[in-house]
């Protein structure tokens, strides 16, 4: 079994187009999307013609809340739509919302692989790098470079007291 990771930075039309094109070229057997797995049962609702973005998932626990927004130009929405049209399973693959909401602020500190990738490419602005590589002129190798950078950064991330790596944004 092989897998392909498509790291996404922006909820923009270029990112959505790039991801949709990559999915159509790859034709996966399943699509995993960043989001709370307890919302898996809601994915089929996106096939309803009356379900028109913008829409969002909302998770809350005690004094904390989080939401996962979806717009027509959202890569996650496009991934869901691709999976539904292709008749393949789509699932959310992040920590459960309750676990995410239970994290202390100090546990939320993250490193940003996109910033480090942009810097390595000579950019002083990671958003400009993303715009150039994915939004405006998508390079086919951009997703592979992003996945590679995330892998390296995760391997080099400092270990916490429990032996796990510190979080990596992306």
N, C-alpha and C. Protein backbone atom coordinates (compact mmCIF):
# COMPACT_ATOMS: atom_id res chain seq x y z
N UNK A 1 0.84 -1.17 0.00
CA UNK A 1 0.00 0.00 0.00
C UNK A 1 0.89 1.24 0.00
N UNK A 2 0.60 2.16 -0.89
CA UNK A 2 1.33 3.42 -0.93
C UNK A 2 0.40 4.54 -0.48
N UNK A 3 0.99 5.61 -0.05
CA UNK A 3 0.20 6.77 0.34
C UNK A 3 0.89 8.03 -0.16
N UNK A 4 0.12 9.07 -0.34
CA UNK A 4 0.64 10.36 -0.76
C UNK A 4 0.05 11.41 0.14
N UNK A 5 0.90 12.29 0.66
CA UNK A 5 0.49 13.38 1.53
C UNK A 5 0.50 14.67 0.72
N UNK A 6 -0.58 15.41 0.79
CA UNK A 6 -0.67 16.71 0.13
C UNK A 6 -0.78 17.77 1.22
N UNK A 7 0.34 18.37 1.58
CA UNK A 7 0.34 19.42 2.59
C UNK A 7 -0.24 20.69 2.02
N UNK A 8 -1.19 21.26 2.71
CA UNK A 8 -1.88 22.46 2.22
C UNK A 8 -1.67 23.60 3.21
N UNK A 9 -1.37 24.77 2.71
CA UNK A 9 -1.13 25.94 3.55
C UNK A 9 -2.33 26.89 3.53
N UNK A 10 -2.92 27.09 2.39
CA UNK A 10 -3.96 28.10 2.22
C UNK A 10 -5.30 27.48 1.85
N UNK A 11 -6.34 28.16 2.25
CA UNK A 11 -7.67 27.85 1.75
C UNK A 11 -7.88 28.79 0.57
N UNK A 12 -7.25 28.49 -0.55
CA UNK A 12 -7.35 29.36 -1.71
C UNK A 12 -7.69 28.58 -2.95
N UNK A 13 -8.14 29.27 -3.97
CA UNK A 13 -8.53 28.59 -5.21
C UNK A 13 -7.37 27.84 -5.86
N UNK A 14 -6.16 28.39 -5.80
CA UNK A 14 -5.02 27.69 -6.40
C UNK A 14 -4.70 26.41 -5.67
N UNK A 15 -4.75 26.45 -4.34
CA UNK A 15 -4.50 25.23 -3.55
C UNK A 15 -5.57 24.19 -3.83
N UNK A 16 -6.82 24.64 -3.91
CA UNK A 16 -7.92 23.71 -4.18
C UNK A 16 -7.77 23.09 -5.57
N UNK A 17 -7.42 23.91 -6.57
CA UNK A 17 -7.22 23.38 -7.94
C UNK A 17 -6.05 22.41 -7.97
N UNK A 18 -4.95 22.77 -7.31
CA UNK A 18 -3.78 21.90 -7.29
C UNK A 18 -4.09 20.56 -6.64
N UNK A 19 -4.80 20.61 -5.53
CA UNK A 19 -5.15 19.37 -4.85
C UNK A 19 -6.10 18.54 -5.69
N UNK A 20 -7.12 19.16 -6.26
CA UNK A 20 -8.09 18.43 -7.08
C UNK A 20 -7.38 17.76 -8.26
N UNK A 21 -6.48 18.49 -8.91
CA UNK A 21 -5.73 17.91 -10.04
C UNK A 21 -4.86 16.74 -9.57
N UNK A 22 -4.23 16.89 -8.42
CA UNK A 22 -3.38 15.81 -7.89
C UNK A 22 -4.23 14.58 -7.57
N UNK A 23 -5.40 14.77 -6.98
CA UNK A 23 -6.28 13.64 -6.67
C UNK A 23 -6.77 12.96 -7.96
N UNK A 24 -7.13 13.75 -8.95
CA UNK A 24 -7.60 13.18 -10.21
C UNK A 24 -6.49 12.40 -10.91
N UNK A 25 -5.25 12.88 -10.80
CA UNK A 25 -4.12 12.16 -11.40
C UNK A 25 -3.78 10.89 -10.62
N UNK A 26 -3.86 10.96 -9.31
CA UNK A 26 -3.48 9.83 -8.44
C UNK A 26 -4.58 8.78 -8.33
N UNK A 27 -5.83 9.21 -8.34
CA UNK A 27 -7.00 8.34 -8.21
C UNK A 27 -6.88 7.41 -7.00
N UNK A 28 -6.87 8.00 -5.80
CA UNK A 28 -6.68 7.20 -4.59
C UNK A 28 -7.88 6.30 -4.28
N UNK A 29 -7.64 5.33 -3.40
CA UNK A 29 -8.69 4.42 -2.94
C UNK A 29 -9.45 5.00 -1.75
N UNK A 30 -8.86 5.96 -1.06
CA UNK A 30 -9.47 6.61 0.09
C UNK A 30 -8.85 8.00 0.22
N UNK A 31 -9.61 8.93 0.75
CA UNK A 31 -9.12 10.29 0.96
C UNK A 31 -9.22 10.59 2.45
N UNK A 32 -8.09 10.96 3.05
CA UNK A 32 -8.05 11.36 4.46
C UNK A 32 -7.85 12.86 4.51
N UNK A 33 -8.66 13.51 5.33
CA UNK A 33 -8.70 14.96 5.38
C UNK A 33 -8.47 15.41 6.81
N UNK A 34 -7.70 16.48 6.97
CA UNK A 34 -7.47 17.02 8.32
C UNK A 34 -8.80 17.48 8.90
N UNK A 35 -9.11 16.93 10.06
CA UNK A 35 -10.34 17.28 10.74
C UNK A 35 -10.65 16.23 11.80
N UNK A 36 -11.64 16.51 12.64
CA UNK A 36 -11.95 15.61 13.74
C UNK A 36 -12.66 14.34 13.27
N UNK A 37 -12.15 13.17 13.62
CA UNK A 37 -12.74 11.92 13.11
C UNK A 37 -14.16 11.68 13.56
N UNK A 38 -14.58 12.30 14.65
CA UNK A 38 -15.96 12.10 15.07
C UNK A 38 -16.95 12.76 14.10
N UNK A 39 -16.45 13.52 13.13
CA UNK A 39 -17.32 14.14 12.11
C UNK A 39 -17.39 13.31 10.83
N UNK A 40 -16.78 12.12 10.81
CA UNK A 40 -16.82 11.28 9.60
C UNK A 40 -18.24 11.06 9.08
N UNK A 41 -19.19 10.84 9.98
CA UNK A 41 -20.56 10.56 9.58
C UNK A 41 -21.22 11.74 8.86
N UNK A 42 -20.63 12.94 8.99
CA UNK A 42 -21.19 14.12 8.34
C UNK A 42 -20.73 14.28 6.90
N UNK A 43 -19.67 13.61 6.51
CA UNK A 43 -19.11 13.77 5.16
C UNK A 43 -20.14 13.53 4.06
N UNK A 44 -20.96 12.48 4.13
CA UNK A 44 -21.94 12.27 3.05
C UNK A 44 -22.93 13.43 2.87
N UNK A 45 -23.12 14.24 3.91
CA UNK A 45 -24.02 15.39 3.78
C UNK A 45 -23.51 16.39 2.74
N UNK A 46 -22.21 16.39 2.46
CA UNK A 46 -21.64 17.30 1.48
C UNK A 46 -22.11 16.99 0.06
N UNK A 47 -22.71 15.81 -0.16
CA UNK A 47 -23.24 15.46 -1.47
C UNK A 47 -24.62 16.07 -1.71
N UNK A 48 -25.26 16.52 -0.67
CA UNK A 48 -26.60 17.10 -0.79
C UNK A 48 -26.49 18.43 -1.53
N UNK A 49 -27.25 18.62 -2.61
CA UNK A 49 -27.16 19.88 -3.36
C UNK A 49 -27.54 21.11 -2.54
N UNK A 50 -28.28 20.90 -1.46
CA UNK A 50 -28.63 22.03 -0.59
C UNK A 50 -27.51 22.40 0.38
N UNK A 51 -26.46 21.56 0.47
CA UNK A 51 -25.31 21.85 1.33
C UNK A 51 -24.34 22.70 0.51
N UNK A 52 -24.45 24.00 0.69
CA UNK A 52 -23.68 24.94 -0.12
C UNK A 52 -22.72 25.69 0.79
N UNK A 53 -21.41 25.59 0.53
CA UNK A 53 -20.46 26.34 1.35
C UNK A 53 -20.68 27.83 1.22
N UNK A 54 -20.31 28.59 2.23
CA UNK A 54 -19.48 28.21 3.36
C UNK A 54 -20.27 27.46 4.44
N UNK A 55 -19.63 26.41 4.94
CA UNK A 55 -20.14 25.62 6.05
C UNK A 55 -18.97 25.33 6.98
N UNK A 56 -19.25 24.87 8.19
CA UNK A 56 -18.16 24.59 9.12
C UNK A 56 -18.59 23.52 10.11
N UNK A 57 -17.60 22.81 10.60
CA UNK A 57 -17.78 21.91 11.74
C UNK A 57 -17.43 22.71 12.98
N UNK A 58 -18.15 22.49 14.06
CA UNK A 58 -17.87 23.17 15.32
C UNK A 58 -17.67 22.12 16.39
N UNK A 59 -16.58 22.24 17.12
CA UNK A 59 -16.33 21.38 18.27
C UNK A 59 -16.17 22.25 19.50
N UNK A 60 -16.68 21.79 20.62
CA UNK A 60 -16.52 22.57 21.84
C UNK A 60 -16.46 21.64 23.05
N UNK A 61 -15.75 22.10 24.06
CA UNK A 61 -15.62 21.39 25.34
C UNK A 61 -15.31 22.43 26.39
N UNK A 62 -16.13 22.46 27.41
CA UNK A 62 -15.98 23.41 28.51
C UNK A 62 -15.79 24.83 27.98
N UNK A 63 -14.62 25.43 28.24
CA UNK A 63 -14.38 26.82 27.88
C UNK A 63 -13.68 27.00 26.54
N UNK A 64 -13.53 25.94 25.77
CA UNK A 64 -12.81 26.02 24.49
C UNK A 64 -13.71 25.59 23.34
N UNK A 65 -13.43 26.17 22.19
CA UNK A 65 -14.16 25.78 20.98
C UNK A 65 -13.21 25.86 19.80
N UNK A 66 -13.52 25.12 18.77
CA UNK A 66 -12.75 25.15 17.54
C UNK A 66 -13.70 24.92 16.39
N UNK A 67 -13.34 25.44 15.23
CA UNK A 67 -14.16 25.16 14.06
C UNK A 67 -13.26 24.83 12.88
N UNK A 68 -13.83 24.08 11.96
CA UNK A 68 -13.15 23.66 10.75
C UNK A 68 -13.99 24.19 9.60
N UNK A 69 -13.56 25.30 8.97
CA UNK A 69 -14.37 25.94 7.91
C UNK A 69 -14.16 25.28 6.55
N UNK A 70 -15.19 25.31 5.75
CA UNK A 70 -15.14 24.80 4.38
C UNK A 70 -15.80 25.83 3.46
N UNK A 71 -15.08 26.19 2.42
CA UNK A 71 -15.61 27.06 1.37
C UNK A 71 -15.48 26.30 0.05
N UNK A 72 -16.09 26.79 -0.99
CA UNK A 72 -15.96 26.13 -2.28
C UNK A 72 -14.49 26.01 -2.67
N UNK A 73 -13.69 27.01 -2.34
CA UNK A 73 -12.28 27.00 -2.69
C UNK A 73 -11.41 26.36 -1.61
N UNK A 74 -12.02 25.72 -0.64
CA UNK A 74 -11.27 25.01 0.40
C UNK A 74 -10.74 23.70 -0.13
N UNK A 75 -9.44 23.44 0.02
CA UNK A 75 -8.91 22.14 -0.42
C UNK A 75 -9.62 20.96 0.26
N UNK A 76 -9.98 21.12 1.52
CA UNK A 76 -10.68 20.03 2.21
C UNK A 76 -12.05 19.78 1.56
N UNK A 77 -12.75 20.84 1.21
CA UNK A 77 -14.05 20.68 0.56
C UNK A 77 -13.88 20.00 -0.80
N UNK A 78 -12.86 20.42 -1.53
CA UNK A 78 -12.61 19.80 -2.84
C UNK A 78 -12.23 18.32 -2.70
N UNK A 79 -11.47 17.99 -1.65
CA UNK A 79 -11.12 16.58 -1.41
C UNK A 79 -12.38 15.78 -1.09
N UNK A 80 -13.26 16.33 -0.28
CA UNK A 80 -14.52 15.65 0.04
C UNK A 80 -15.35 15.47 -1.22
N UNK A 81 -15.48 16.53 -2.01
CA UNK A 81 -16.27 16.45 -3.23
C UNK A 81 -15.68 15.43 -4.21
N UNK A 82 -14.35 15.41 -4.31
CA UNK A 82 -13.70 14.42 -5.18
C UNK A 82 -14.06 13.00 -4.73
N UNK A 83 -13.91 12.73 -3.44
CA UNK A 83 -14.17 11.40 -2.92
C UNK A 83 -15.62 10.99 -3.14
N UNK A 84 -16.54 11.90 -2.87
CA UNK A 84 -17.96 11.58 -3.05
C UNK A 84 -18.27 11.30 -4.52
N UNK A 85 -17.72 12.11 -5.42
CA UNK A 85 -17.97 11.90 -6.86
C UNK A 85 -17.32 10.62 -7.36
N UNK A 86 -16.16 10.26 -6.79
CA UNK A 86 -15.44 9.07 -7.23
C UNK A 86 -15.98 7.80 -6.56
N UNK A 87 -16.87 7.97 -5.58
CA UNK A 87 -17.41 6.82 -4.88
C UNK A 87 -16.42 6.11 -3.99
N UNK A 88 -15.47 6.88 -3.44
CA UNK A 88 -14.47 6.30 -2.54
C UNK A 88 -14.67 6.87 -1.13
N UNK A 89 -14.20 6.15 -0.12
CA UNK A 89 -14.37 6.66 1.25
C UNK A 89 -13.56 7.93 1.49
N UNK A 90 -14.11 8.80 2.30
CA UNK A 90 -13.41 9.98 2.81
C UNK A 90 -13.54 9.95 4.32
N UNK A 91 -12.46 10.24 5.00
CA UNK A 91 -12.45 10.22 6.46
C UNK A 91 -11.62 11.40 6.95
N UNK A 92 -11.96 11.88 8.15
CA UNK A 92 -11.13 12.87 8.82
C UNK A 92 -10.05 12.13 9.60
N UNK A 93 -8.84 12.71 9.65
CA UNK A 93 -7.70 11.95 10.21
C UNK A 93 -6.87 12.74 11.21
N UNK A 94 -7.50 13.58 11.97
CA UNK A 94 -6.77 14.34 12.98
C UNK A 94 -7.11 13.78 14.35
N UNK A 95 -6.55 14.39 15.39
CA UNK A 95 -6.95 14.03 16.73
C UNK A 95 -8.44 14.32 16.91
N UNK A 96 -9.12 13.57 17.75
CA UNK A 96 -10.52 13.93 18.05
C UNK A 96 -10.58 15.36 18.58
N UNK A 97 -11.69 16.02 18.31
CA UNK A 97 -11.86 17.41 18.75
C UNK A 97 -11.65 17.56 20.25
N UNK A 98 -12.17 16.63 21.03
CA UNK A 98 -12.01 16.72 22.49
C UNK A 98 -10.54 16.70 22.88
N UNK A 99 -9.74 15.90 22.21
CA UNK A 99 -8.30 15.84 22.50
C UNK A 99 -7.63 17.15 22.11
N UNK A 100 -7.98 17.68 20.95
CA UNK A 100 -7.40 18.94 20.51
C UNK A 100 -7.76 20.07 21.47
N UNK A 101 -9.01 20.09 21.89
CA UNK A 101 -9.45 21.15 22.79
C UNK A 101 -8.86 21.02 24.18
N UNK A 102 -8.43 19.82 24.56
CA UNK A 102 -7.86 19.60 25.88
C UNK A 102 -6.38 20.00 25.96
N UNK A 103 -5.72 20.20 24.81
CA UNK A 103 -4.31 20.59 24.82
C UNK A 103 -4.13 21.93 25.51
N UNK A 104 -3.13 22.02 26.35
CA UNK A 104 -2.79 23.30 26.98
C UNK A 104 -2.11 24.17 25.93
N UNK A 105 -2.19 25.48 26.12
CA UNK A 105 -1.57 26.39 25.17
C UNK A 105 -0.10 26.10 24.98
N UNK A 106 0.62 25.72 26.04
CA UNK A 106 2.05 25.42 25.93
C UNK A 106 2.30 24.22 25.04
N UNK A 107 1.32 23.34 24.89
CA UNK A 107 1.47 22.16 24.03
C UNK A 107 1.14 22.47 22.58
N UNK A 108 0.70 23.67 22.31
CA UNK A 108 0.32 24.06 20.96
C UNK A 108 1.47 24.71 20.18
N UNK A 109 2.60 24.96 20.83
CA UNK A 109 3.73 25.55 20.13
C UNK A 109 4.14 24.63 18.99
N UNK A 110 4.32 25.22 17.82
CA UNK A 110 4.64 24.40 16.64
C UNK A 110 5.77 25.01 15.85
N UNK A 111 6.42 24.18 15.07
CA UNK A 111 7.40 24.63 14.08
C UNK A 111 6.67 24.66 12.76
N UNK A 112 7.07 25.52 11.88
CA UNK A 112 6.40 25.69 10.61
C UNK A 112 7.31 25.23 9.47
N UNK A 113 7.06 24.04 8.91
CA UNK A 113 7.91 23.54 7.84
C UNK A 113 7.84 24.39 6.58
N UNK A 114 6.72 25.05 6.35
CA UNK A 114 6.61 25.89 5.15
C UNK A 114 7.56 27.08 5.25
N UNK A 115 7.67 27.67 6.44
CA UNK A 115 8.62 28.78 6.62
C UNK A 115 10.04 28.32 6.37
N UNK A 116 10.37 27.15 6.88
CA UNK A 116 11.73 26.64 6.68
C UNK A 116 11.99 26.28 5.23
N UNK A 117 10.99 25.73 4.56
CA UNK A 117 11.13 25.41 3.14
C UNK A 117 11.28 26.68 2.31
N UNK A 118 10.48 27.70 2.63
CA UNK A 118 10.57 28.97 1.92
C UNK A 118 11.94 29.60 2.12
N UNK A 119 12.43 29.58 3.35
CA UNK A 119 13.75 30.15 3.63
C UNK A 119 14.83 29.42 2.85
N UNK A 120 14.74 28.10 2.79
CA UNK A 120 15.73 27.32 2.03
C UNK A 120 15.68 27.65 0.54
N UNK A 121 14.52 28.09 0.06
CA UNK A 121 14.38 28.45 -1.34
C UNK A 121 14.71 29.92 -1.60
N UNK A 122 15.14 30.64 -0.54
CA UNK A 122 15.55 32.03 -0.70
C UNK A 122 14.43 33.04 -0.50
N UNK A 123 13.31 32.61 0.05
CA UNK A 123 12.20 33.52 0.32
C UNK A 123 12.27 33.99 1.77
N UNK A 124 11.94 35.27 1.99
CA UNK A 124 11.85 35.76 3.37
C UNK A 124 10.41 35.72 3.86
N UNK A 125 9.49 35.34 2.99
CA UNK A 125 8.07 35.29 3.34
C UNK A 125 7.48 33.94 2.92
N UNK A 126 7.11 33.09 3.89
CA UNK A 126 6.57 31.78 3.53
C UNK A 126 5.26 31.86 2.76
N UNK A 127 4.49 32.92 2.99
CA UNK A 127 3.23 33.07 2.25
C UNK A 127 3.52 33.33 0.77
N UNK A 128 4.54 34.12 0.49
CA UNK A 128 4.91 34.41 -0.91
C UNK A 128 5.39 33.13 -1.58
N UNK A 129 6.19 32.33 -0.87
CA UNK A 129 6.65 31.05 -1.43
C UNK A 129 5.45 30.19 -1.79
N UNK A 130 4.48 30.08 -0.87
CA UNK A 130 3.30 29.26 -1.13
C UNK A 130 2.53 29.80 -2.34
N UNK A 131 2.37 31.11 -2.38
CA UNK A 131 1.66 31.71 -3.51
C UNK A 131 2.35 31.35 -4.82
N UNK A 132 3.68 31.48 -4.86
CA UNK A 132 4.41 31.20 -6.09
C UNK A 132 4.41 29.72 -6.46
N UNK A 133 4.53 28.84 -5.50
CA UNK A 133 4.68 27.41 -5.77
C UNK A 133 3.36 26.66 -5.94
N UNK A 134 2.29 27.14 -5.30
CA UNK A 134 1.04 26.38 -5.31
C UNK A 134 -0.14 27.19 -5.83
N UNK A 135 -0.29 28.41 -5.34
CA UNK A 135 -1.48 29.18 -5.71
C UNK A 135 -1.45 29.65 -7.16
N UNK A 136 -0.34 30.25 -7.60
CA UNK A 136 -0.32 30.89 -8.92
C UNK A 136 0.23 30.01 -10.02
N UNK A 137 1.26 29.29 -9.75
CA UNK A 137 1.90 28.46 -10.77
C UNK A 137 2.27 27.13 -10.14
N UNK A 138 1.27 26.27 -9.93
CA UNK A 138 1.56 25.04 -9.21
C UNK A 138 2.61 24.19 -9.89
N UNK A 139 3.64 23.88 -9.14
CA UNK A 139 4.68 22.97 -9.61
C UNK A 139 4.30 21.56 -9.18
N UNK A 140 4.34 20.61 -10.09
CA UNK A 140 3.93 19.25 -9.73
C UNK A 140 4.69 18.68 -8.55
N UNK A 141 5.94 19.10 -8.38
CA UNK A 141 6.75 18.56 -7.29
C UNK A 141 6.55 19.29 -5.96
N UNK A 142 5.71 20.32 -5.93
CA UNK A 142 5.54 21.11 -4.71
C UNK A 142 5.03 20.27 -3.55
N UNK A 143 4.02 19.43 -3.78
CA UNK A 143 3.49 18.61 -2.69
C UNK A 143 4.54 17.64 -2.17
N UNK A 144 5.34 17.07 -3.06
CA UNK A 144 6.40 16.15 -2.62
C UNK A 144 7.45 16.90 -1.80
N UNK A 145 7.79 18.12 -2.20
CA UNK A 145 8.77 18.91 -1.44
C UNK A 145 8.22 19.26 -0.06
N UNK A 146 6.95 19.60 0.01
CA UNK A 146 6.33 19.93 1.29
C UNK A 146 6.33 18.71 2.20
N UNK A 147 5.93 17.56 1.67
CA UNK A 147 5.91 16.33 2.47
C UNK A 147 7.31 15.97 2.95
N UNK A 148 8.30 16.13 2.09
CA UNK A 148 9.68 15.84 2.47
C UNK A 148 10.16 16.77 3.59
N UNK A 149 9.85 18.05 3.47
CA UNK A 149 10.24 19.01 4.51
C UNK A 149 9.58 18.67 5.84
N UNK A 150 8.31 18.32 5.81
CA UNK A 150 7.62 17.97 7.05
C UNK A 150 8.23 16.73 7.68
N UNK A 151 8.59 15.75 6.86
CA UNK A 151 9.20 14.52 7.36
C UNK A 151 10.53 14.82 8.05
N UNK A 152 11.36 15.63 7.42
CA UNK A 152 12.66 15.99 8.00
C UNK A 152 12.47 16.75 9.30
N UNK A 153 11.59 17.74 9.30
CA UNK A 153 11.38 18.53 10.51
C UNK A 153 10.82 17.70 11.65
N UNK A 154 9.92 16.77 11.33
CA UNK A 154 9.39 15.90 12.39
C UNK A 154 10.50 15.02 12.96
N UNK A 155 11.37 14.52 12.10
CA UNK A 155 12.47 13.66 12.57
C UNK A 155 13.44 14.44 13.44
N UNK A 156 13.61 15.73 13.16
CA UNK A 156 14.54 16.56 13.91
C UNK A 156 13.89 17.31 15.07
N UNK A 157 12.59 17.18 15.22
CA UNK A 157 11.87 17.91 16.28
C UNK A 157 12.36 17.47 17.65
N UNK A 158 12.50 18.42 18.58
CA UNK A 158 12.90 18.03 19.93
C UNK A 158 11.85 17.11 20.55
N UNK A 159 12.31 16.16 21.31
CA UNK A 159 11.41 15.21 21.97
C UNK A 159 10.91 15.81 23.28
N UNK A 160 9.63 15.59 23.56
CA UNK A 160 9.04 16.03 24.82
C UNK A 160 9.38 15.07 25.93
N UNK A 161 8.91 15.37 27.11
CA UNK A 161 9.19 14.52 28.28
C UNK A 161 8.57 13.13 28.13
N UNK A 162 7.56 13.02 27.26
CA UNK A 162 6.95 11.70 27.06
C UNK A 162 7.58 10.94 25.90
N UNK A 163 8.65 11.51 25.31
CA UNK A 163 9.38 10.83 24.23
C UNK A 163 8.81 11.09 22.85
N UNK A 164 7.73 11.87 22.74
CA UNK A 164 7.17 12.15 21.43
C UNK A 164 7.71 13.46 20.91
N UNK A 165 7.66 13.64 19.60
CA UNK A 165 8.13 14.88 18.99
C UNK A 165 7.19 16.02 19.31
N UNK A 166 7.75 17.23 19.34
CA UNK A 166 6.90 18.39 19.51
C UNK A 166 6.07 18.56 18.24
N UNK A 167 4.92 19.25 18.32
CA UNK A 167 4.04 19.36 17.17
C UNK A 167 4.69 20.11 16.03
N UNK A 168 4.34 19.70 14.83
CA UNK A 168 4.77 20.37 13.61
C UNK A 168 3.51 20.86 12.91
N UNK A 169 3.47 22.16 12.63
CA UNK A 169 2.32 22.72 11.93
C UNK A 169 2.32 22.22 10.50
N UNK A 170 1.13 22.01 9.95
CA UNK A 170 1.07 21.63 8.54
C UNK A 170 0.12 20.57 8.38
